[in-house]
Structures are given as structure tokens and as C-alpha cells.
C-alpha atoms as a PDB file:
ATOM      1  CA  UNK A   1     -44.970 -60.919 -29.908  1.00  0.00           C
ATOM      2  CA  UNK A   2     -42.302 -62.200 -32.264  1.00  0.00           C
ATOM      3  CA  UNK A   3     -39.062 -60.310 -32.764  1.00  0.00           C
ATOM      4  CA  UNK A   4     -39.668 -57.209 -34.912  1.00  0.00           C
ATOM      5  CA  UNK A   5     -36.816 -55.293 -36.531  1.00  0.00           C
ATOM      6  CA  UNK A   6     -37.242 -52.334 -38.865  1.00  0.00           C
ATOM      7  CA  UNK A   7     -34.801 -49.968 -40.557  1.00  0.00           C
ATOM      8  CA  UNK A   8     -34.564 -46.549 -38.865  1.00  0.00           C
ATOM      9  CA  UNK A   9     -34.294 -43.910 -41.620  1.00  0.00           C
ATOM     10  CA  UNK A  10     -32.292 -41.465 -39.493  1.00  0.00           C
ATOM     11  CA  UNK A  11     -29.321 -43.852 -39.218  1.00  0.00           C
ATOM     12  CA  UNK A  12     -30.235 -46.366 -41.949  1.00  0.00           C
ATOM     13  CA  UNK A  13     -29.562 -49.122 -39.426  1.00  0.00           C
ATOM     14  CA  UNK A  14     -31.818 -51.909 -38.155  1.00  0.00           C
ATOM     15  CA  UNK A  15     -33.547 -51.237 -34.844  1.00  0.00           C
ATOM     16  CA  UNK A  16     -35.390 -53.716 -32.662  1.00  0.00           C
ATOM     17  CA  UNK A  17     -38.935 -52.628 -31.829  1.00  0.00           C
ATOM     18  CA  UNK A  18     -39.750 -53.230 -28.144  1.00  0.00           C
ATOM     19  CA  UNK A  19     -43.257 -51.783 -27.976  1.00  0.00           C
ATOM     20  CA  UNK A  20     -45.851 -50.113 -30.205  1.00  0.00           C
ATOM     21  CA  UNK A  21     -48.268 -47.439 -29.029  1.00  0.00           C
ATOM     22  CA  UNK A  22     -50.666 -45.109 -30.793  1.00  0.00           C
ATOM     23  CA  UNK A  23     -51.186 -41.416 -30.220  1.00  0.00           C
ATOM     24  CA  UNK A  24     -54.561 -39.737 -29.780  1.00  0.00           C
ATOM     25  CA  UNK A  25     -55.078 -39.734 -33.566  1.00  0.00           C
ATOM     26  CA  UNK A  26     -54.264 -43.428 -33.953  1.00  0.00           C
ATOM     27  CA  UNK A  27     -50.796 -43.073 -35.485  1.00  0.00           C
ATOM     28  CA  UNK A  28     -48.244 -45.689 -34.337  1.00  0.00           C
ATOM     29  CA  UNK A  29     -44.966 -44.958 -32.549  1.00  0.00           C
ATOM     30  CA  UNK A  30     -42.262 -47.536 -31.876  1.00  0.00           C
ATOM     31  CA  UNK A  31     -40.208 -47.842 -28.700  1.00  0.00           C
ATOM     32  CA  UNK A  32     -36.519 -48.259 -29.600  1.00  0.00           C
ATOM     33  CA  UNK A  33     -33.206 -48.060 -27.774  1.00  0.00           C
ATOM     34  CA  UNK A  34     -31.026 -45.491 -29.571  1.00  0.00           C
ATOM     35  CA  UNK A  35     -27.772 -43.879 -28.389  1.00  0.00           C
ATOM     36  CA  UNK A  36     -28.298 -45.040 -24.805  1.00  0.00           C
ATOM     37  CA  UNK A  37     -31.874 -43.726 -24.605  1.00  0.00           C
ATOM     38  CA  UNK A  38     -35.331 -45.252 -24.806  1.00  0.00           C
ATOM     39  CA  UNK A  39     -37.335 -43.321 -27.395  1.00  0.00           C
ATOM     40  CA  UNK A  40     -40.800 -43.490 -28.874  1.00  0.00           C
ATOM     41  CA  UNK A  41     -40.347 -42.632 -32.556  1.00  0.00           C
ATOM     42  CA  UNK A  42     -43.100 -42.162 -35.120  1.00  0.00           C
ATOM     43  CA  UNK A  43     -43.546 -45.112 -37.467  1.00  0.00           C
ATOM     44  CA  UNK A  44     -43.114 -42.775 -40.443  1.00  0.00           C
ATOM     45  CA  UNK A  45     -39.345 -42.805 -39.745  1.00  0.00           C
ATOM     46  CA  UNK A  46     -39.054 -46.555 -40.412  1.00  0.00           C
ATOM     47  CA  UNK A  47     -39.082 -48.877 -43.393  1.00  0.00           C
ATOM     48  CA  UNK A  48     -39.311 -52.677 -43.527  1.00  0.00           C
ATOM     49  CA  UNK A  49     -36.261 -54.831 -42.907  1.00  0.00           C
ATOM     50  CA  UNK A  50     -36.391 -57.653 -45.442  1.00  0.00           C
ATOM     51  CA  UNK A  51     -33.770 -59.720 -43.587  1.00  0.00           C
ATOM     52  CA  UNK A  52     -36.524 -61.053 -41.250  1.00  0.00           C
ATOM     53  CA  UNK A  53     -38.514 -62.625 -44.071  1.00  0.00           C
END
């Protein structure tokens, strides 16, 4: 997978996406490293980063 970076709405900062999984309803969650912790965060909290285009 190529490098994927999206903007995390909570901090308005770019976050690297390390893995994508779906819940039992098919909604995506992204694995990020935030404040020293690995977290799966719902995709609804992200927006595209246009610096990768």
C-alpha cells in the first residue's frame, strides 16, 4: 500500500494511516499513532490531505 496521510479533525493535523479495518457494519476505521498510543479511529473523523496529490 502506498503512503496514505489524512487530516485528523480533532487536531487538524496530518496523520499517517497504518492500517484500515471495517467494523461489523462495514464502516472503516483507521489505525493511527496519536499522543504515544495506537488508536483505531472512525473514518468520519478524517478529511483528505491534498498535499499528497
